[in-house]
Amino acid sequence: MASGFTNTHRLFLQAAISRRLMTEVAALDLYSQVCNATNERFNRDDFQNFVARLNEGLNSVELEFRSSRDEISGLVVIALTNTNGHKIAQVATGYSPTELEYFKHLLDAIVTADDEAYCISSTAALHEAGRLKNKENKSISITKRDAEALLDRFVADKWFIRSTAGAYSLSMRSLLELQTYLKETYGDQIQECVFCMEIITKGQRCSVAACSTRSHHHCATPYFQNMNNPSCPTCKSPWSSQILIGLSDRTSAPTKTRRRRRQDNADDVGDDLKEEREEDVDNA
């Protein structure tokens, strides 16, 4: 992996491993600091070639720097990802089997949330901790306190985002690093933005139920901003930016978790997640 890498490559990679996900601005700042430390000339125009060289060297160990635009801010972000993303255990390392099972339950609840909400309330997230099963299909559970601590860890490790209203949704790290797993496991329940063709869990959607058009806010704005009568780029129906996919930061997720039906082809997700279900997780 290190063959052909300069000290600048090695130092940047070491710093990126600890961060995993950062904005392009932060990555450029890091690159500048690393160049200064290694007495190498900094030129922001060289950054893309610098990252491309890193990816060439990292290919043999199944790592890659990927970039996209943050679904909320629209800023370009860069993530160091594991390209062998077919199974969560090979990507989300550092967790016990029970913790990984909890992670998968939360991921499933978020992706299959009814009406494309793509989130789960904190109450529902804690409830999922009591529904875990091991590979022998035997029930396992973790305490509420441990589940709360684990949720905090998932957020700190940048797998999930916790909104102001306490709802959990997928972070850009999850969308970039788990994209293969998500597409293979959930099929057409994983939507793509009509403009950038990236996975979308937060943005706008067409008002016509039969139309599959979805768009990130940052992609929709430049497309529709000069239109007097915005229309869907696919079905030409009137377009309203108020019909959303995902929930806003201050909107609470439903206390009832309703999963859309899906055909589960993954070999590591419990059978109890295969069918649509509605769980009342109120504290009453």
Protein backbone atom coordinates (compact mmCIF):
# COMPACT_ATOMS: atom_id res chain seq x y z
CA MET A 1 0.00 0.00 0.00
CA ALA A 2 2.79 2.41 0.88
CA SER A 3 4.70 1.82 -2.37
CA GLY A 4 5.07 5.12 -4.17
CA PHE A 5 3.57 7.12 -1.30
CA THR A 6 5.44 10.18 -0.08
CA ASN A 7 5.52 11.30 3.54
CA THR A 8 2.75 13.73 2.60
CA HIS A 9 0.54 10.85 1.43
CA ARG A 10 1.23 8.84 4.58
CA LEU A 11 0.63 11.71 6.98
CA PHE A 12 -2.59 12.77 5.23
CA LEU A 13 -3.87 9.19 5.26
CA GLN A 14 -3.07 8.78 8.95
CA ALA A 15 -5.05 11.92 9.76
CA ALA A 16 -7.94 10.91 7.46
CA ILE A 17 -8.28 7.51 9.13
CA SER A 18 -9.06 9.18 12.45
CA ARG A 19 -11.57 11.57 10.84
CA ARG A 20 -13.20 9.20 8.27
CA LEU A 21 -15.50 11.96 7.00
CA MET A 22 -14.76 15.66 6.44
CA THR A 23 -15.82 18.52 4.23
CA GLU A 24 -13.74 19.29 1.17
CA VAL A 25 -12.75 22.58 2.82
CA ALA A 26 -11.50 20.70 5.89
CA ALA A 27 -9.69 18.19 3.66
CA LEU A 28 -7.93 21.00 1.78
CA ASP A 29 -6.95 22.59 5.09
CA LEU A 30 -5.57 19.24 6.26
CA TYR A 31 -3.67 18.87 3.00
CA SER A 32 -2.18 22.33 3.50
CA GLN A 33 -1.10 21.50 7.05
CA VAL A 34 0.45 18.20 5.95
CA CYS A 35 2.35 19.87 3.11
CA ASN A 36 3.67 22.44 5.56
CA ALA A 37 4.79 19.69 7.96
CA THR A 38 6.59 17.76 5.20
CA ASN A 39 8.05 20.87 3.53
CA GLU A 40 6.17 20.13 0.32
CA ARG A 41 4.69 22.92 -1.80
CA PHE A 42 0.93 23.31 -1.31
CA ASN A 43 -1.21 23.90 -4.37
CA ARG A 44 -4.96 23.40 -4.00
CA ASP A 45 -5.20 22.60 -7.72
CA ASP A 46 -3.08 19.49 -7.07
CA PHE A 47 -5.47 18.10 -4.47
CA GLN A 48 -7.60 15.98 -6.82
CA ASN A 49 -4.51 14.33 -8.30
CA PHE A 50 -3.18 13.83 -4.77
CA VAL A 51 -6.36 11.99 -3.74
CA ALA A 52 -6.35 9.98 -6.98
CA ARG A 53 -2.81 8.82 -6.19
CA LEU A 54 -3.91 7.84 -2.70
CA ASN A 55 -6.79 5.80 -4.14
CA GLU A 56 -4.43 3.97 -6.49
CA GLY A 57 -2.32 2.88 -3.55
CA LEU A 58 -5.30 2.04 -1.34
CA ASN A 59 -7.06 -0.11 -3.93
CA SER A 60 -5.18 -3.26 -2.89
CA VAL A 61 -6.43 -2.96 0.70
CA GLU A 62 -10.03 -2.17 -0.34
CA LEU A 63 -10.03 1.44 0.81
CA GLU A 64 -11.01 4.48 -1.21
CA PHE A 65 -11.66 8.18 -0.76
CA ARG A 66 -15.16 8.98 -2.05
CA SER A 67 -16.81 12.35 -2.35
CA SER A 68 -20.38 13.60 -2.59
CA ARG A 69 -22.50 16.53 -1.46
CA ASP A 70 -23.91 16.55 2.03
CA GLU A 71 -27.69 16.03 1.85
CA ILE A 72 -28.36 18.80 4.39
CA SER A 73 -25.75 21.48 3.74
CA GLY A 74 -24.97 20.76 0.09
CA LEU A 75 -21.25 21.04 0.89
CA VAL A 76 -18.83 18.63 -0.77
CA VAL A 77 -17.69 15.98 1.71
CA ILE A 78 -14.93 13.39 1.45
CA ALA A 79 -14.98 10.02 3.21
CA LEU A 80 -12.40 7.29 3.55
CA THR A 81 -14.46 4.19 2.80
CA ASN A 82 -14.11 0.44 2.74
CA THR A 83 -14.91 -0.66 -0.82
CA ASN A 84 -15.81 -4.19 0.30
CA GLY A 85 -19.20 -2.95 1.45
CA HIS A 86 -21.26 -6.06 0.77
CA LYS A 87 -21.52 -6.91 4.47
CA ILE A 88 -21.77 -4.46 7.33
CA ALA A 89 -19.37 -6.46 9.54
CA GLN A 90 -16.58 -5.82 7.03
CA VAL A 91 -17.23 -2.09 7.03
CA ALA A 92 -18.41 -1.16 10.52
CA THR A 93 -15.47 -2.70 12.35
CA GLY A 94 -14.83 -2.32 16.05
CA TYR A 95 -18.28 -3.46 17.17
CA SER A 96 -19.31 -6.70 18.87
CA PRO A 97 -21.75 -9.09 17.10
CA THR A 98 -24.59 -7.88 19.35
CA GLU A 99 -23.75 -4.23 18.65
CA LEU A 100 -23.65 -4.94 14.90
CA GLU A 101 -27.04 -6.65 15.11
CA TYR A 102 -28.46 -3.55 16.78
CA PHE A 103 -26.87 -1.38 14.08
CA LYS A 104 -28.51 -3.48 11.35
CA HIS A 105 -31.92 -3.28 13.02
CA LEU A 106 -31.65 0.50 13.20
CA LEU A 107 -30.45 0.69 9.60
CA ASP A 108 -33.39 -1.43 8.46
CA ALA A 109 -35.89 0.67 10.40
CA ILE A 110 -34.50 3.88 8.89
CA VAL A 111 -34.33 2.68 5.28
CA THR A 112 -37.77 1.05 5.30
CA ALA A 113 -39.54 3.79 7.27
CA ASP A 114 -43.02 4.46 5.95
CA ASP A 115 -43.65 7.35 3.54
CA GLU A 116 -39.91 7.72 2.82
CA ALA A 117 -39.28 9.34 6.20
CA TYR A 118 -35.84 7.66 6.32
CA CYS A 119 -35.51 8.11 10.08
CA ILE A 120 -36.43 6.58 13.42
CA SER A 121 -37.38 8.29 16.66
CA SER A 122 -35.19 7.90 19.73
CA THR A 123 -38.01 6.00 21.47
CA ALA A 124 -38.37 3.59 18.55
CA ALA A 125 -34.58 3.20 18.35
CA LEU A 126 -34.43 2.09 21.98
CA HIS A 127 -37.35 -0.28 21.37
CA GLU A 128 -35.36 -2.01 18.60
CA ALA A 129 -32.76 -3.02 21.21
CA GLY A 130 -35.28 -5.51 22.59
CA ARG A 131 -35.90 -7.20 19.23
CA LEU A 132 -32.41 -8.53 18.52
CA LYS A 133 -31.66 -12.13 17.54
CA ASN A 134 -28.39 -13.94 16.97
CA LYS A 135 -27.49 -16.21 14.05
CA GLU A 136 -29.20 -19.12 15.80
CA ASN A 137 -32.39 -17.00 15.82
CA LYS A 138 -32.30 -16.79 19.61
CA SER A 139 -33.38 -13.57 21.25
CA ILE A 140 -30.67 -11.31 22.62
CA SER A 141 -31.07 -7.92 24.16
CA ILE A 142 -29.14 -5.00 25.54
CA THR A 143 -30.17 -2.73 28.37
CA LYS A 144 -31.68 0.68 27.76
CA ARG A 145 -28.59 2.32 29.20
CA ASP A 146 -26.28 0.34 26.91
CA ALA A 147 -28.54 1.06 23.92
CA GLU A 148 -28.41 4.80 24.67
CA ALA A 149 -24.61 4.66 24.93
CA LEU A 150 -24.41 2.71 21.68
CA LEU A 151 -26.63 5.19 19.87
CA ASP A 152 -24.28 7.96 21.04
CA ARG A 153 -21.36 5.94 19.70
CA PHE A 154 -23.01 5.39 16.31
CA VAL A 155 -23.47 9.16 16.06
CA ALA A 156 -19.91 9.89 17.25
CA ASP A 157 -18.55 7.40 14.70
CA LYS A 158 -20.56 9.29 12.03
CA TRP A 159 -22.81 6.40 10.99
CA PHE A 160 -26.02 8.18 12.04
CA ILE A 161 -27.17 11.77 12.44
CA ARG A 162 -29.30 12.78 15.42
CA SER A 163 -31.62 15.69 14.65
CA THR A 164 -32.62 18.50 16.96
CA ALA A 165 -35.93 16.67 17.47
CA GLY A 166 -34.09 13.47 18.44
CA ALA A 167 -34.65 11.46 15.24
CA TYR A 168 -31.88 9.25 13.84
CA SER A 169 -31.13 9.17 10.10
CA LEU A 170 -28.30 8.05 7.83
CA SER A 171 -25.15 10.13 7.73
CA MET A 172 -23.04 10.79 4.67
CA ARG A 173 -20.56 8.20 5.92
CA SER A 174 -23.29 5.54 5.81
CA LEU A 175 -24.47 6.64 2.38
CA LEU A 176 -20.94 6.59 0.94
CA GLU A 177 -19.50 3.56 2.70
CA LEU A 178 -22.60 1.35 2.74
CA GLN A 179 -23.91 2.22 -0.71
CA THR A 180 -23.24 -1.27 -2.12
CA TYR A 181 -24.90 -2.97 0.86
CA LEU A 182 -27.88 -0.61 0.75
CA LYS A 183 -28.52 -1.07 -2.97
CA GLU A 184 -28.10 -4.84 -2.90
CA THR A 185 -30.20 -5.32 0.23
CA TYR A 186 -33.04 -2.85 -0.34
CA GLY A 187 -33.27 -2.60 -4.12
CA ASP A 188 -35.79 -0.04 -5.33
CA GLN A 189 -36.42 1.20 -1.79
CA ILE A 190 -33.13 3.03 -2.18
CA GLN A 191 -33.96 6.16 -4.16
CA GLU A 192 -31.54 8.16 -6.30
CA CYS A 193 -31.54 11.88 -7.02
CA VAL A 194 -32.68 12.50 -10.60
CA PHE A 195 -29.90 15.06 -11.10
CA CYS A 196 -26.74 13.75 -9.38
CA MET A 197 -27.78 10.06 -9.35
CA GLU A 198 -26.55 9.66 -5.76
CA ILE A 199 -28.59 7.94 -3.03
CA ILE A 200 -31.13 10.31 -1.51
CA THR A 201 -32.71 10.17 1.95
CA LYS A 202 -33.35 13.89 2.41
CA GLY A 203 -34.75 16.20 -0.24
CA GLN A 204 -37.78 16.76 -2.46
CA ARG A 205 -40.08 14.47 -4.40
CA CYS A 206 -42.67 14.71 -7.15
CA SER A 207 -46.27 15.20 -6.05
CA VAL A 208 -47.42 12.39 -8.35
CA ALA A 209 -47.39 9.13 -6.39
CA ALA A 210 -46.54 7.02 -9.45
CA CYS A 211 -43.55 9.23 -10.36
CA SER A 212 -40.20 8.13 -8.97
CA THR A 213 -38.49 11.52 -9.30
CA ARG A 214 -36.54 12.61 -6.20
CA SER A 215 -34.06 15.44 -5.81
CA HIS A 216 -31.67 16.75 -3.20
CA HIS A 217 -32.40 20.31 -2.13
CA HIS A 218 -29.01 21.47 -3.41
CA CYS A 219 -29.68 19.83 -6.79
CA ALA A 220 -33.25 21.11 -7.11
CA THR A 221 -32.44 24.75 -6.34
CA PRO A 222 -30.32 25.54 -9.42
CA TYR A 223 -32.62 23.53 -11.70
CA PHE A 224 -35.89 25.15 -10.67
CA GLN A 225 -34.78 28.63 -9.60
CA ASN A 226 -35.34 30.32 -12.98
CA MET A 227 -38.65 28.60 -13.74
CA ASN A 228 -41.84 30.62 -13.39
CA ASN A 229 -43.86 27.42 -13.19
CA PRO A 230 -41.56 24.63 -11.97
CA SER A 231 -42.44 21.19 -13.29
CA CYS A 232 -41.16 17.71 -12.65
CA PRO A 233 -38.29 16.90 -15.05
CA THR A 234 -39.78 13.44 -15.58
CA CYS A 235 -43.58 13.63 -15.67
CA LYS A 236 -43.91 17.43 -16.14
CA SER A 237 -46.40 17.75 -13.26
CA PRO A 238 -46.24 20.97 -11.18
CA TRP A 239 -43.31 20.78 -8.76
CA SER A 240 -43.58 21.86 -5.13
CA SER A 241 -40.42 22.10 -3.07
CA GLN A 242 -42.54 21.48 0.05
CA ILE A 243 -43.21 17.79 -0.71
CA LEU A 244 -40.30 16.18 1.07
CA ILE A 245 -38.42 12.94 1.37
CA GLY A 246 -36.99 12.53 4.86
CA LEU A 247 -37.89 14.77 7.80
CA SER A 248 -36.64 18.26 8.60
CA ASP A 249 -34.24 18.75 11.50
CA ARG A 250 -36.93 19.95 13.91
CA THR A 251 -39.67 17.49 12.93
CA SER A 252 -40.17 14.58 15.29
CA ALA A 253 -40.21 11.08 13.84
CA PRO A 254 -43.40 9.05 14.46
CA THR A 255 -43.45 7.07 17.69
CA LYS A 256 -44.88 4.18 15.65
CA THR A 257 -42.35 2.44 13.45
CA ARG A 258 -43.93 1.26 10.23
CA ARG A 259 -41.76 -0.59 7.73
CA ARG A 260 -42.47 -0.74 4.03
CA ARG A 261 -42.56 -4.32 2.73
CA ARG A 262 -39.40 -5.49 1.05
CA GLN A 263 -37.87 -8.71 -0.23
CA ASP A 264 -34.79 -9.31 1.90
CA ASN A 265 -31.95 -11.03 0.05
CA ALA A 266 -29.28 -10.35 2.66
CA ASP A 267 -27.99 -13.32 4.62
CA ASP A 268 -27.32 -11.40 7.77
CA VAL A 269 -30.59 -9.67 8.60
CA GLY A 270 -33.12 -11.36 10.87
CA ASP A 271 -36.25 -12.99 9.49
CA ASP A 272 -38.41 -10.76 11.64
CA LEU A 273 -37.40 -7.82 9.44
CA LYS A 274 -38.73 -9.33 6.23
CA GLU A 275 -42.34 -8.24 6.51
CA GLU A 276 -44.03 -4.93 6.99
CA ARG A 277 -44.93 -4.34 10.59
CA GLU A 278 -46.20 -1.59 12.80
CA GLU A 279 -44.98 -1.38 16.35
CA ASP A 280 -46.49 0.87 18.99
CA VAL A 281 -43.47 2.05 20.95
CA ASP A 282 -45.13 4.66 23.11
CA ASN A 283 -43.93 4.72 26.69
CA ALA A 284 -47.45 4.21 27.98
